[in-house]
Amino acid sequence: YTAYTPYQPEISQGRLETLLNFQTMVCDLTGMELANASMLDEGTAAAEAMAMCHRLNPKGGSTFFVDADTHPQTLAVVQTRAEPLGIDVRVGDPADSTVGEGIFGVLVSYPGSSGALRDDAALFEHLHERGTLVVVASDPLALTLLRPPGEIGADIAVGCTQRFGVPLGFGGPHAGYLATKDAHKRTLPGRLVGVSVDSKGRKGYRLTLSTREQHIRREKATSNICT
């Protein structure tokens, strides 16, 4: 399986069901309400989460803060994506008291790239009081033991599933994930698989909320890294 799954709603039900199972697993592990099925890897998922925070919080400023204990490849992709969007990326300790002023979003790694583990529930609450959105980059295997980001107060959770031994695929290194709250579903980038009912009352899987995709809205699309 690659991150580049065909777009057509007529895609086989079996493949759609597989993607729905993936979304469900991500929601279970992250404690979030909604997950998509088309992120390329953690770096691009983090960059999409940054752009999503900017859409959700346009009055929050133009700076995105990244935890210094983040994988260097994730930080590099975020910085590259930020440049054409006119976003200033700051790197440091998210527990710094100045974080939140003119900052629309913060990316925290859980666990950090160094392996450090912090329960940042109080910090997230403080950031929310300042009107700042929180993105948590998590190792999904670690989330089988740790408190899920959704319980700690994250707005968006990102990462990749390579930890489960998924082999390298053509078109993408491994399946990334992006999960968020149900309230943010209309700003979610990428493909979302849902369950519907056909004209004969039978359950069917389909691409949901697909109107904002690049192949339909083009210049108004919410995502252009991997969709």
N, C-alpha and C. Protein backbone atom coordinates (compact mmCIF):
# COMPACT_ATOMS: atom_id res chain seq x y z
N TYR A 1 0.84 -1.21 0.00
CA TYR A 1 0.00 0.00 0.00
C TYR A 1 0.87 1.24 0.00
N THR A 2 0.54 2.20 -0.83
CA THR A 2 1.31 3.44 -0.84
C THR A 2 0.41 4.58 -0.38
N ALA A 3 1.04 5.74 -0.13
CA ALA A 3 0.27 6.92 0.29
C ALA A 3 -0.55 7.48 -0.87
N TYR A 4 -0.26 7.05 -2.09
CA TYR A 4 -0.98 7.56 -3.26
C TYR A 4 -2.05 6.56 -3.71
N THR A 5 -3.16 6.58 -3.04
CA THR A 5 -4.27 5.71 -3.38
C THR A 5 -5.14 6.42 -4.42
N PRO A 6 -5.69 5.70 -5.40
CA PRO A 6 -6.54 6.37 -6.40
C PRO A 6 -7.68 7.16 -5.77
N TYR A 7 -8.03 8.25 -6.41
CA TYR A 7 -9.03 9.17 -5.87
C TYR A 7 -10.47 8.70 -6.06
N GLN A 8 -10.76 7.98 -7.13
CA GLN A 8 -12.14 7.76 -7.56
C GLN A 8 -13.03 7.13 -6.48
N PRO A 9 -14.25 7.68 -6.30
CA PRO A 9 -15.18 7.08 -5.36
C PRO A 9 -15.53 5.65 -5.76
N GLU A 10 -15.32 5.32 -7.04
CA GLU A 10 -15.65 3.97 -7.52
C GLU A 10 -14.56 2.95 -7.15
N ILE A 11 -13.52 3.40 -6.45
CA ILE A 11 -12.46 2.50 -6.02
C ILE A 11 -13.06 1.30 -5.27
N SER A 12 -12.42 0.18 -5.33
CA SER A 12 -13.01 -1.03 -4.74
C SER A 12 -13.32 -0.85 -3.26
N GLN A 13 -14.44 -1.43 -2.84
CA GLN A 13 -14.87 -1.31 -1.45
C GLN A 13 -13.84 -1.89 -0.47
N GLY A 14 -13.13 -2.92 -0.90
CA GLY A 14 -12.14 -3.53 -0.02
C GLY A 14 -11.02 -2.57 0.35
N ARG A 15 -10.54 -1.79 -0.64
CA ARG A 15 -9.46 -0.84 -0.36
C ARG A 15 -9.97 0.27 0.54
N LEU A 16 -11.20 0.73 0.29
CA LEU A 16 -11.77 1.78 1.13
C LEU A 16 -11.95 1.29 2.56
N GLU A 17 -12.37 0.03 2.70
CA GLU A 17 -12.55 -0.51 4.05
C GLU A 17 -11.21 -0.59 4.78
N THR A 18 -10.15 -0.93 4.05
CA THR A 18 -8.82 -0.98 4.64
C THR A 18 -8.40 0.40 5.15
N LEU A 19 -8.66 1.42 4.34
CA LEU A 19 -8.32 2.78 4.75
C LEU A 19 -9.16 3.22 5.95
N LEU A 20 -10.42 2.82 5.98
CA LEU A 20 -11.28 3.16 7.12
C LEU A 20 -10.74 2.49 8.40
N ASN A 21 -10.28 1.25 8.25
CA ASN A 21 -9.69 0.55 9.40
C ASN A 21 -8.45 1.29 9.90
N PHE A 22 -7.65 1.80 8.97
CA PHE A 22 -6.46 2.57 9.32
C PHE A 22 -6.86 3.83 10.09
N GLN A 23 -7.87 4.55 9.59
CA GLN A 23 -8.34 5.76 10.26
C GLN A 23 -8.82 5.44 11.68
N THR A 24 -9.55 4.33 11.80
CA THR A 24 -10.09 3.93 13.11
C THR A 24 -8.96 3.62 14.08
N MET A 25 -7.93 2.92 13.61
CA MET A 25 -6.78 2.60 14.45
C MET A 25 -6.09 3.87 14.93
N VAL A 26 -5.91 4.83 14.02
CA VAL A 26 -5.26 6.09 14.38
C VAL A 26 -6.08 6.83 15.43
N CYS A 27 -7.40 6.85 15.26
CA CYS A 27 -8.26 7.52 16.25
C CYS A 27 -8.14 6.83 17.61
N ASP A 28 -8.11 5.50 17.61
CA ASP A 28 -7.99 4.75 18.87
C ASP A 28 -6.69 5.08 19.59
N LEU A 29 -5.60 5.14 18.83
CA LEU A 29 -4.28 5.36 19.44
C LEU A 29 -4.08 6.81 19.87
N THR A 30 -4.60 7.76 19.10
CA THR A 30 -4.36 9.18 19.39
C THR A 30 -5.41 9.78 20.31
N GLY A 31 -6.55 9.12 20.46
CA GLY A 31 -7.62 9.68 21.28
C GLY A 31 -8.32 10.85 20.61
N MET A 32 -8.16 10.96 19.29
CA MET A 32 -8.81 12.03 18.54
C MET A 32 -10.11 11.50 17.92
N GLU A 33 -10.93 12.40 17.41
CA GLU A 33 -12.25 12.00 16.90
C GLU A 33 -12.26 11.64 15.42
N LEU A 34 -11.25 12.12 14.69
CA LEU A 34 -11.27 12.00 13.23
C LEU A 34 -9.85 11.85 12.71
N ALA A 35 -9.65 10.99 11.72
CA ALA A 35 -8.33 10.84 11.12
C ALA A 35 -8.49 10.68 9.62
N ASN A 36 -7.51 11.18 8.85
CA ASN A 36 -7.58 11.00 7.40
C ASN A 36 -6.73 9.80 6.99
N ALA A 37 -6.65 9.57 5.68
CA ALA A 37 -5.94 8.37 5.22
C ALA A 37 -5.01 8.67 4.06
N SER A 38 -4.36 9.84 4.07
CA SER A 38 -3.54 10.13 2.88
C SER A 38 -2.29 10.94 3.18
N MET A 39 -1.75 10.83 4.38
CA MET A 39 -0.50 11.54 4.67
C MET A 39 0.69 10.69 4.21
N LEU A 40 1.72 11.38 3.73
CA LEU A 40 2.88 10.68 3.17
C LEU A 40 3.80 10.16 4.25
N ASP A 41 4.12 11.00 5.24
CA ASP A 41 5.00 10.61 6.34
C ASP A 41 4.86 11.66 7.44
N GLU A 42 5.64 11.55 8.50
CA GLU A 42 5.48 12.48 9.62
C GLU A 42 5.81 13.92 9.22
N GLY A 43 6.88 14.11 8.44
CA GLY A 43 7.30 15.46 8.07
C GLY A 43 6.22 16.21 7.31
N THR A 44 5.66 15.59 6.27
CA THR A 44 4.63 16.27 5.49
C THR A 44 3.33 16.40 6.28
N ALA A 45 3.05 15.42 7.16
CA ALA A 45 1.86 15.53 8.01
C ALA A 45 1.98 16.72 8.96
N ALA A 46 3.18 16.93 9.51
CA ALA A 46 3.41 18.07 10.40
C ALA A 46 3.27 19.38 9.63
N ALA A 47 3.76 19.41 8.40
CA ALA A 47 3.65 20.62 7.58
C ALA A 47 2.19 20.91 7.25
N GLU A 48 1.42 19.85 6.95
CA GLU A 48 -0.01 20.03 6.69
C GLU A 48 -0.73 20.49 7.95
N ALA A 49 -0.32 19.98 9.11
CA ALA A 49 -0.93 20.39 10.38
C ALA A 49 -0.67 21.87 10.64
N MET A 50 0.54 22.33 10.31
CA MET A 50 0.87 23.75 10.46
C MET A 50 -0.06 24.61 9.59
N ALA A 51 -0.22 24.22 8.32
CA ALA A 51 -1.09 24.96 7.41
C ALA A 51 -2.54 24.91 7.89
N MET A 52 -2.94 23.78 8.44
CA MET A 52 -4.30 23.62 8.96
C MET A 52 -4.52 24.55 10.15
N CYS A 53 -3.54 24.64 11.05
CA CYS A 53 -3.63 25.56 12.19
C CYS A 53 -3.77 27.01 11.73
N HIS A 54 -3.05 27.35 10.67
CA HIS A 54 -3.10 28.71 10.14
C HIS A 54 -4.48 29.02 9.59
N ARG A 55 -5.13 28.03 8.96
CA ARG A 55 -6.48 28.23 8.46
C ARG A 55 -7.48 28.35 9.61
N LEU A 56 -7.27 27.55 10.66
CA LEU A 56 -8.18 27.56 11.80
C LEU A 56 -8.01 28.79 12.67
N ASN A 57 -6.81 29.33 12.71
CA ASN A 57 -6.49 30.42 13.62
C ASN A 57 -5.82 31.58 12.88
N PRO A 58 -6.51 32.18 11.90
CA PRO A 58 -5.87 33.22 11.06
C PRO A 58 -5.50 34.49 11.82
N LYS A 59 -6.15 34.72 12.95
CA LYS A 59 -5.86 35.94 13.73
C LYS A 59 -4.83 35.68 14.83
N GLY A 60 -4.30 34.47 14.86
CA GLY A 60 -3.36 34.10 15.93
C GLY A 60 -1.94 34.55 15.71
N GLY A 61 -1.68 35.22 14.59
CA GLY A 61 -0.32 35.64 14.29
C GLY A 61 0.23 34.91 13.08
N SER A 62 1.51 35.07 12.82
CA SER A 62 2.12 34.43 11.64
C SER A 62 3.31 33.55 12.02
N THR A 63 3.41 33.21 13.30
CA THR A 63 4.54 32.40 13.77
C THR A 63 4.07 31.03 14.22
N PHE A 64 4.83 30.01 13.80
CA PHE A 64 4.57 28.63 14.22
C PHE A 64 5.76 28.19 15.05
N PHE A 65 5.50 27.70 16.25
CA PHE A 65 6.58 27.32 17.18
C PHE A 65 6.77 25.81 17.15
N VAL A 66 8.02 25.36 17.04
CA VAL A 66 8.32 23.92 16.98
C VAL A 66 9.24 23.54 18.14
N ASP A 67 8.86 22.49 18.83
CA ASP A 67 9.66 21.91 19.91
C ASP A 67 11.05 21.56 19.38
N ALA A 68 12.09 22.00 20.08
CA ALA A 68 13.46 21.71 19.65
C ALA A 68 13.76 20.22 19.65
N ASP A 69 13.00 19.44 20.45
CA ASP A 69 13.21 18.00 20.52
C ASP A 69 12.33 17.27 19.51
N THR A 70 12.34 17.78 18.28
CA THR A 70 11.56 17.21 17.18
C THR A 70 12.53 16.58 16.18
N HIS A 71 12.13 15.51 15.51
CA HIS A 71 13.00 14.88 14.51
C HIS A 71 13.47 15.94 13.50
N PRO A 72 14.77 15.97 13.19
CA PRO A 72 15.29 17.01 12.27
C PRO A 72 14.63 16.99 10.90
N GLN A 73 14.26 15.79 10.39
CA GLN A 73 13.63 15.74 9.08
C GLN A 73 12.21 16.34 9.13
N THR A 74 11.53 16.18 10.26
CA THR A 74 10.20 16.78 10.42
C THR A 74 10.32 18.29 10.45
N LEU A 75 11.25 18.81 11.22
CA LEU A 75 11.48 20.25 11.30
C LEU A 75 11.84 20.83 9.93
N ALA A 76 12.70 20.11 9.18
CA ALA A 76 13.14 20.60 7.87
C ALA A 76 11.98 20.74 6.90
N VAL A 77 11.06 19.77 6.89
CA VAL A 77 9.91 19.83 5.98
C VAL A 77 8.97 20.97 6.40
N VAL A 78 8.78 21.14 7.71
CA VAL A 78 7.93 22.24 8.20
C VAL A 78 8.51 23.59 7.77
N GLN A 79 9.82 23.76 7.92
CA GLN A 79 10.46 25.03 7.54
C GLN A 79 10.35 25.29 6.04
N THR A 80 10.51 24.23 5.25
CA THR A 80 10.40 24.37 3.79
C THR A 80 8.99 24.77 3.37
N ARG A 81 8.00 24.14 4.00
CA ARG A 81 6.59 24.43 3.68
C ARG A 81 6.19 25.82 4.16
N ALA A 82 6.79 26.27 5.26
CA ALA A 82 6.42 27.57 5.85
C ALA A 82 6.84 28.74 4.98
N GLU A 83 7.96 28.60 4.29
CA GLU A 83 8.51 29.74 3.54
C GLU A 83 7.55 30.32 2.50
N PRO A 84 6.98 29.51 1.59
CA PRO A 84 6.06 30.09 0.60
C PRO A 84 4.74 30.56 1.20
N LEU A 85 4.41 30.05 2.41
CA LEU A 85 3.16 30.47 3.06
C LEU A 85 3.34 31.75 3.88
N GLY A 86 4.58 32.23 3.97
CA GLY A 86 4.84 33.45 4.73
C GLY A 86 4.76 33.24 6.23
N ILE A 87 5.02 32.00 6.66
CA ILE A 87 4.97 31.67 8.08
C ILE A 87 6.38 31.66 8.66
N ASP A 88 6.53 32.28 9.82
CA ASP A 88 7.82 32.31 10.51
C ASP A 88 7.87 31.13 11.48
N VAL A 89 8.91 30.30 11.38
CA VAL A 89 9.04 29.13 12.25
C VAL A 89 10.08 29.42 13.33
N ARG A 90 9.64 29.28 14.58
CA ARG A 90 10.54 29.44 15.72
C ARG A 90 10.76 28.08 16.36
N VAL A 91 12.01 27.83 16.80
CA VAL A 91 12.35 26.55 17.41
C VAL A 91 12.85 26.79 18.82
N GLY A 92 12.37 25.99 19.77
CA GLY A 92 12.82 26.16 21.14
C GLY A 92 12.06 25.26 22.08
N ASP A 93 12.03 25.65 23.36
CA ASP A 93 11.33 24.87 24.38
C ASP A 93 9.89 25.38 24.48
N PRO A 94 8.89 24.52 24.20
CA PRO A 94 7.50 24.98 24.24
C PRO A 94 7.04 25.41 25.63
N ALA A 95 7.79 25.02 26.67
CA ALA A 95 7.42 25.41 28.03
C ALA A 95 7.89 26.83 28.35
N ASP A 96 8.61 27.46 27.43
CA ASP A 96 9.06 28.85 27.61
C ASP A 96 7.85 29.76 27.79
N SER A 97 7.91 30.64 28.75
CA SER A 97 6.75 31.48 29.08
C SER A 97 6.35 32.43 27.96
N THR A 98 7.26 32.71 27.02
CA THR A 98 6.94 33.65 25.94
C THR A 98 6.16 32.99 24.80
N VAL A 99 6.11 31.66 24.81
CA VAL A 99 5.39 30.96 23.74
C VAL A 99 3.90 31.27 23.86
N GLY A 100 3.32 31.68 22.76
CA GLY A 100 1.89 32.00 22.76
C GLY A 100 1.62 33.40 22.28
N GLU A 101 2.60 34.27 22.38
CA GLU A 101 2.43 35.66 21.94
C GLU A 101 2.67 35.76 20.43
N GLY A 102 1.61 36.01 19.66
CA GLY A 102 1.73 36.10 18.21
C GLY A 102 1.99 34.77 17.54
N ILE A 103 1.72 33.68 18.26
CA ILE A 103 1.96 32.33 17.73
C ILE A 103 0.62 31.64 17.51
N PHE A 104 0.35 31.22 16.27
CA PHE A 104 -0.95 30.60 15.97
C PHE A 104 -0.97 29.12 16.27
N GLY A 105 0.22 28.49 16.33
CA GLY A 105 0.26 27.06 16.59
C GLY A 105 1.61 26.62 17.14
N VAL A 106 1.59 25.51 17.88
CA VAL A 106 2.80 24.95 18.46
C VAL A 106 2.86 23.46 18.14
N LEU A 107 4.04 22.99 17.72
CA LEU A 107 4.25 21.56 17.47
C LEU A 107 5.11 20.99 18.58
N VAL A 108 4.57 20.00 19.29
CA VAL A 108 5.29 19.35 20.38
C VAL A 108 5.49 17.88 20.03
N SER A 109 6.69 17.35 20.31
CA SER A 109 6.96 15.93 20.04
C SER A 109 6.74 15.12 21.31
N TYR A 110 6.05 13.97 21.15
CA TYR A 110 5.63 13.16 22.30
C TYR A 110 5.63 11.69 21.92
N PRO A 111 6.70 10.95 22.25
CA PRO A 111 7.92 11.39 22.93
C PRO A 111 8.81 12.21 22.01
N GLY A 112 9.77 12.93 22.61
CA GLY A 112 10.67 13.76 21.82
C GLY A 112 11.65 12.92 21.02
N SER A 113 12.38 13.58 20.13
CA SER A 113 13.36 12.89 19.30
C SER A 113 14.45 12.26 20.16
N SER A 114 14.71 12.86 21.32
CA SER A 114 15.73 12.34 22.24
C SER A 114 15.21 11.17 23.06
N GLY A 115 13.88 10.94 23.00
CA GLY A 115 13.26 9.90 23.81
C GLY A 115 12.62 10.47 25.07
N ALA A 116 12.79 11.77 25.30
CA ALA A 116 12.22 12.41 26.49
C ALA A 116 10.70 12.36 26.46
N LEU A 117 10.11 12.12 27.63
CA LEU A 117 8.66 12.02 27.75
C LEU A 117 8.16 13.10 28.70
N ARG A 118 7.19 13.89 28.24
CA ARG A 118 6.58 14.91 29.10
C ARG A 118 5.07 14.84 28.95
N ASP A 119 4.38 14.98 30.05
CA ASP A 119 2.92 15.10 30.00
C ASP A 119 2.61 16.60 30.05
N ASP A 120 2.26 17.15 28.90
CA ASP A 120 2.13 18.60 28.77
C ASP A 120 0.70 19.11 28.88
N ALA A 121 -0.17 18.41 29.59
CA ALA A 121 -1.57 18.82 29.70
C ALA A 121 -1.71 20.25 30.20
N ALA A 122 -0.94 20.60 31.24
CA ALA A 122 -1.01 21.97 31.81
C ALA A 122 -0.51 22.99 30.80
N LEU A 123 0.55 22.65 30.08
CA LEU A 123 1.10 23.56 29.07
C LEU A 123 0.08 23.78 27.95
N PHE A 124 -0.57 22.71 27.49
CA PHE A 124 -1.55 22.83 26.42
C PHE A 124 -2.72 23.71 26.84
N GLU A 125 -3.13 23.56 28.10
CA GLU A 125 -4.23 24.38 28.62
C GLU A 125 -3.83 25.85 28.62
N HIS A 126 -2.58 26.10 29.01
CA HIS A 126 -2.05 27.47 29.03
C HIS A 126 -2.01 28.06 27.61
N LEU A 127 -1.59 27.24 26.63
CA LEU A 127 -1.52 27.70 25.24
C LEU A 127 -2.92 27.99 24.70
N HIS A 128 -3.87 27.14 25.02
CA HIS A 128 -5.24 27.34 24.57
C HIS A 128 -5.82 28.64 25.13
N GLU A 129 -5.47 28.95 26.37
CA GLU A 129 -5.94 30.21 26.97
C GLU A 129 -5.41 31.42 26.21
N ARG A 130 -4.25 31.24 25.57
CA ARG A 130 -3.66 32.32 24.78
C ARG A 130 -4.12 32.29 23.32
N GLY A 131 -5.00 31.36 23.00
CA GLY A 131 -5.52 31.27 21.64
C GLY A 131 -4.60 30.56 20.68
N THR A 132 -3.72 29.71 21.20
CA THR A 132 -2.76 28.98 20.37
C THR A 132 -3.20 27.53 20.20
N LEU A 133 -3.14 27.03 18.97
CA LEU A 133 -3.49 25.63 18.69
C LEU A 133 -2.27 24.73 18.92
N VAL A 134 -2.52 23.48 19.28
CA VAL A 134 -1.44 22.56 19.62
C VAL A 134 -1.44 21.34 18.70
N VAL A 135 -0.28 21.09 18.10
CA VAL A 135 -0.08 19.89 17.27
C VAL A 135 0.89 18.98 18.03
N VAL A 136 0.56 17.70 18.11
CA VAL A 136 1.44 16.74 18.79
C VAL A 136 1.92 15.72 17.77
N ALA A 137 3.25 15.58 17.63
CA ALA A 137 3.84 14.56 16.77
C ALA A 137 4.15 13.36 17.64
N SER A 138 3.51 12.23 17.36
CA SER A 138 3.66 11.06 18.22
C SER A 138 4.03 9.80 17.47
N ASP A 139 4.79 8.97 18.14
CA ASP A 139 5.10 7.62 17.67
C ASP A 139 3.91 6.75 18.02
N PRO A 140 3.20 6.19 17.04
CA PRO A 140 1.99 5.42 17.35
C PRO A 140 2.23 4.18 18.20
N LEU A 141 3.44 3.60 18.11
CA LEU A 141 3.73 2.44 18.95
C LEU A 141 3.84 2.86 20.41
N ALA A 142 4.42 4.04 20.66
CA ALA A 142 4.51 4.57 22.02
C ALA A 142 3.11 4.84 22.57
N LEU A 143 2.18 5.21 21.69
CA LEU A 143 0.82 5.55 22.13
C LEU A 143 0.03 4.33 22.61
N THR A 144 0.57 3.15 22.38
CA THR A 144 -0.09 1.96 22.93
C THR A 144 0.07 1.92 24.45
N LEU A 145 1.05 2.70 24.98
CA LEU A 145 1.31 2.74 26.42
C LEU A 145 1.05 4.11 27.03
N LEU A 146 1.28 5.17 26.26
CA LEU A 146 1.18 6.53 26.80
C LEU A 146 -0.25 7.06 26.77
N ARG A 147 -0.48 8.12 27.54
CA ARG A 147 -1.76 8.84 27.43
C ARG A 147 -1.88 9.39 26.02
N PRO A 148 -3.00 9.19 25.34
CA PRO A 148 -3.12 9.68 23.97
C PRO A 148 -3.15 11.20 23.92
N PRO A 149 -2.66 11.80 22.82
CA PRO A 149 -2.65 13.25 22.68
C PRO A 149 -4.02 13.89 22.87
N GLY A 150 -5.08 13.19 22.44
CA GLY A 150 -6.42 13.73 22.59
C GLY A 150 -6.81 13.95 24.04
N GLU A 151 -6.32 13.10 24.93
CA GLU A 151 -6.62 13.24 26.36
C GLU A 151 -5.82 14.36 26.99
N ILE A 152 -4.67 14.65 26.43
CA ILE A 152 -3.80 15.69 27.00
C ILE A 152 -4.26 17.08 26.56
N GLY A 153 -5.02 17.14 25.45
CA GLY A 153 -5.53 18.43 25.00
C GLY A 153 -5.04 18.87 23.63
N ALA A 154 -4.47 17.93 22.85
CA ALA A 154 -3.99 18.29 21.51
C ALA A 154 -5.15 18.62 20.58
N ASP A 155 -4.93 19.55 19.66
CA ASP A 155 -5.92 19.87 18.64
C ASP A 155 -5.72 18.98 17.41
N ILE A 156 -4.46 18.65 17.14
CA ILE A 156 -4.10 17.82 15.98
C ILE A 156 -2.99 16.87 16.40
N ALA A 157 -3.04 15.63 15.93
CA ALA A 157 -1.97 14.66 16.19
C ALA A 157 -1.43 14.17 14.85
N VAL A 158 -0.12 14.11 14.72
CA VAL A 158 0.51 13.66 13.47
C VAL A 158 1.60 12.64 13.79
N GLY A 159 2.03 11.95 12.74
CA GLY A 159 3.11 10.99 12.90
C GLY A 159 3.14 10.05 11.72
N CYS A 160 3.89 8.95 11.86
CA CYS A 160 3.92 7.95 10.80
C CYS A 160 3.85 6.56 11.40
N THR A 161 3.42 5.61 10.60
CA THR A 161 3.20 4.26 11.09
C THR A 161 4.33 3.30 10.74
N GLN A 162 5.49 3.84 10.38
CA GLN A 162 6.63 2.99 10.05
C GLN A 162 7.04 2.14 11.25
N ARG A 163 6.71 2.62 12.45
CA ARG A 163 7.05 1.89 13.68
C ARG A 163 6.44 0.50 13.71
N PHE A 164 5.36 0.30 12.94
CA PHE A 164 4.71 -1.00 12.94
C PHE A 164 5.33 -1.96 11.93
N GLY A 165 6.48 -1.56 11.37
CA GLY A 165 7.17 -2.44 10.44
C GLY A 165 6.62 -2.40 9.03
N VAL A 166 5.89 -1.33 8.69
CA VAL A 166 5.36 -1.21 7.33
C VAL A 166 6.54 -1.01 6.38
N PRO A 167 6.66 -1.84 5.35
CA PRO A 167 7.81 -1.71 4.44
C PRO A 167 7.71 -0.46 3.57
N LEU A 168 8.85 -0.06 3.02
CA LEU A 168 8.87 1.08 2.11
C LEU A 168 7.98 0.78 0.92
N GLY A 169 7.26 1.81 0.43
CA GLY A 169 6.35 1.59 -0.69
C GLY A 169 6.67 2.51 -1.85
N PHE A 170 6.19 2.17 -3.05
CA PHE A 170 6.39 3.03 -4.21
C PHE A 170 5.48 4.24 -4.07
N GLY A 171 6.04 5.46 -4.19
CA GLY A 171 5.24 6.67 -4.09
C GLY A 171 5.25 7.28 -2.71
N GLY A 172 5.82 6.60 -1.75
CA GLY A 172 5.88 7.18 -0.41
C GLY A 172 6.58 6.23 0.53
N PRO A 173 7.33 6.75 1.51
CA PRO A 173 8.10 5.88 2.39
C PRO A 173 7.25 5.02 3.30
N HIS A 174 6.19 5.58 3.86
CA HIS A 174 5.30 4.82 4.74
C HIS A 174 4.08 5.67 5.02
N ALA A 175 3.05 5.06 5.57
CA ALA A 175 1.80 5.78 5.78
C ALA A 175 1.92 6.74 6.96
N GLY A 176 1.75 8.02 6.68
CA GLY A 176 1.69 9.00 7.75
C GLY A 176 0.26 9.10 8.25
N TYR A 177 0.07 9.79 9.37
CA TYR A 177 -1.29 9.99 9.85
C TYR A 177 -1.49 11.42 10.33
N LEU A 178 -2.72 11.86 10.26
CA LEU A 178 -3.12 13.17 10.80
C LEU A 178 -4.52 13.00 11.38
N ALA A 179 -4.65 13.27 12.67
CA ALA A 179 -5.94 13.13 13.36
C ALA A 179 -6.29 14.44 14.04
N THR A 180 -7.58 14.72 14.16
CA THR A 180 -7.99 15.99 14.76
C THR A 180 -9.37 15.85 15.40
N LYS A 181 -9.91 16.96 15.86
CA LYS A 181 -11.24 16.96 16.46
C LYS A 181 -12.31 17.03 15.37
N ASP A 182 -13.47 16.52 15.67
CA ASP A 182 -14.56 16.53 14.70
C ASP A 182 -14.91 17.96 14.26
N ALA A 183 -14.76 18.91 15.16
CA ALA A 183 -15.10 20.30 14.85
C ALA A 183 -14.23 20.87 13.72
N HIS A 184 -13.06 20.26 13.50
CA HIS A 184 -12.13 20.78 12.48
C HIS A 184 -12.19 20.01 11.16
N LYS A 185 -13.21 19.16 11.00
CA LYS A 185 -13.21 18.25 9.85
C LYS A 185 -13.18 18.95 8.49
N ARG A 186 -13.75 20.14 8.40
CA ARG A 186 -13.81 20.81 7.09
C ARG A 186 -12.50 21.50 6.72
N THR A 187 -11.55 21.52 7.62
CA THR A 187 -10.23 22.06 7.27
C THR A 187 -9.18 20.94 7.20
N LEU A 188 -9.63 19.71 7.37
CA LEU A 188 -8.72 18.56 7.33
C LEU A 188 -8.19 18.33 5.92
N PRO A 189 -6.87 18.27 5.75
CA PRO A 189 -6.32 18.01 4.41
C PRO A 189 -6.41 16.53 4.06
N GLY A 190 -6.35 16.23 2.77
CA GLY A 190 -6.27 14.84 2.35
C GLY A 190 -7.60 14.13 2.24
N ARG A 191 -7.52 12.83 2.09
CA ARG A 191 -8.71 12.00 1.88
C ARG A 191 -9.28 11.51 3.19
N LEU A 192 -10.60 11.48 3.24
CA LEU A 192 -11.31 11.00 4.42
C LEU A 192 -12.29 9.94 3.95
N VAL A 193 -12.15 8.72 4.45
CA VAL A 193 -13.06 7.64 4.07
C VAL A 193 -14.18 7.55 5.10
N GLY A 194 -15.41 7.47 4.62
CA GLY A 194 -16.57 7.38 5.50
C GLY A 194 -17.49 6.26 5.09
N VAL A 195 -18.50 6.00 5.92
CA VAL A 195 -19.48 4.95 5.64
C VAL A 195 -20.80 5.60 5.26
N SER A 196 -21.40 5.13 4.18
CA SER A 196 -22.65 5.67 3.69
C SER A 196 -23.63 4.52 3.43
N VAL A 197 -24.80 4.85 2.90
CA VAL A 197 -25.82 3.86 2.56
C VAL A 197 -26.21 4.05 1.10
N ASP A 198 -26.26 2.98 0.33
CA ASP A 198 -26.60 3.14 -1.09
C ASP A 198 -28.12 3.17 -1.29
N SER A 199 -28.54 3.25 -2.56
CA SER A 199 -29.97 3.39 -2.87
C SER A 199 -30.80 2.19 -2.44
N LYS A 200 -30.15 1.06 -2.19
CA LYS A 200 -30.86 -0.14 -1.76
C LYS A 200 -30.71 -0.38 -0.25
N GLY A 201 -30.20 0.62 0.46
CA GLY A 201 -30.07 0.51 1.90
C GLY A 201 -28.88 -0.28 2.39
N ARG A 202 -27.93 -0.59 1.48
CA ARG A 202 -26.76 -1.36 1.87
C ARG A 202 -25.63 -0.43 2.31
N LYS A 203 -24.83 -0.89 3.27
CA LYS A 203 -23.69 -0.09 3.74
C LYS A 203 -22.63 -0.03 2.65
N GLY A 204 -22.07 1.15 2.47
CA GLY A 204 -21.01 1.31 1.48
C GLY A 204 -19.97 2.29 1.96
N TYR A 205 -18.73 2.08 1.51
CA TYR A 205 -17.64 2.99 1.90
C TYR A 205 -17.42 3.99 0.77
N ARG A 206 -17.10 5.23 1.14
CA ARG A 206 -16.89 6.25 0.11
C ARG A 206 -15.93 7.32 0.62
N LEU A 207 -15.43 8.12 -0.31
CA LEU A 207 -14.64 9.28 0.08
C LEU A 207 -15.60 10.35 0.55
N THR A 208 -15.35 10.89 1.74
CA THR A 208 -16.25 11.84 2.39
C THR A 208 -15.64 13.23 2.37
N LEU A 209 -16.48 14.26 2.33
CA LEU A 209 -16.02 15.66 2.34
C LEU A 209 -14.94 15.90 1.29
N SER A 210 -15.14 15.32 0.13
CA SER A 210 -14.08 15.37 -0.89
C SER A 210 -14.09 16.66 -1.70
N THR A 211 -15.05 17.56 -1.41
CA THR A 211 -15.17 18.75 -2.25
C THR A 211 -13.98 19.69 -2.18
N ARG A 212 -13.19 19.62 -1.12
CA ARG A 212 -12.07 20.55 -0.99
C ARG A 212 -10.77 20.00 -1.57
N GLU A 213 -10.84 18.85 -2.21
CA GLU A 213 -9.62 18.24 -2.70
C GLU A 213 -9.04 18.96 -3.92
N GLN A 214 -7.76 18.75 -4.11
CA GLN A 214 -7.04 19.42 -5.18
C GLN A 214 -7.60 19.08 -6.56
N HIS A 215 -8.09 17.84 -6.74
CA HIS A 215 -8.57 17.43 -8.06
C HIS A 215 -9.93 18.04 -8.36
N ILE A 216 -10.57 18.65 -7.38
CA ILE A 216 -11.88 19.28 -7.59
C ILE A 216 -11.77 20.80 -7.54
N ARG A 217 -11.18 21.32 -6.46
CA ARG A 217 -11.13 22.78 -6.28
C ARG A 217 -9.81 23.41 -6.71
N ARG A 218 -8.83 22.59 -6.99
CA ARG A 218 -7.53 23.06 -7.46
C ARG A 218 -6.93 24.17 -6.61
N GLU A 219 -7.00 25.43 -7.04
CA GLU A 219 -6.30 26.50 -6.31
C GLU A 219 -6.88 26.76 -4.93
N LYS A 220 -8.11 26.29 -4.67
CA LYS A 220 -8.71 26.48 -3.35
C LYS A 220 -8.53 25.25 -2.46
N ALA A 221 -7.78 24.28 -2.94
CA ALA A 221 -7.59 23.06 -2.16
C ALA A 221 -6.89 23.35 -0.85
N THR A 222 -7.23 22.58 0.20
CA THR A 222 -6.60 22.79 1.50
C THR A 222 -5.27 22.06 1.62
N SER A 223 -4.92 21.28 0.62
CA SER A 223 -3.69 20.51 0.72
C SER A 223 -3.04 20.40 -0.65
N ASN A 224 -1.72 20.52 -0.68
CA ASN A 224 -1.05 20.29 -1.97
C ASN A 224 0.31 19.63 -1.81
N ILE A 225 0.56 19.02 -0.66
CA ILE A 225 1.82 18.31 -0.50
C ILE A 225 1.68 16.90 -1.06
N CYS A 226 0.62 16.20 -0.68
CA CYS A 226 0.57 14.77 -1.04
C CYS A 226 -0.81 14.34 -1.51
N THR A 227 -1.67 15.26 -1.89
CA THR A 227 -2.97 14.83 -2.40
C THR A 227 -3.10 15.17 -3.88
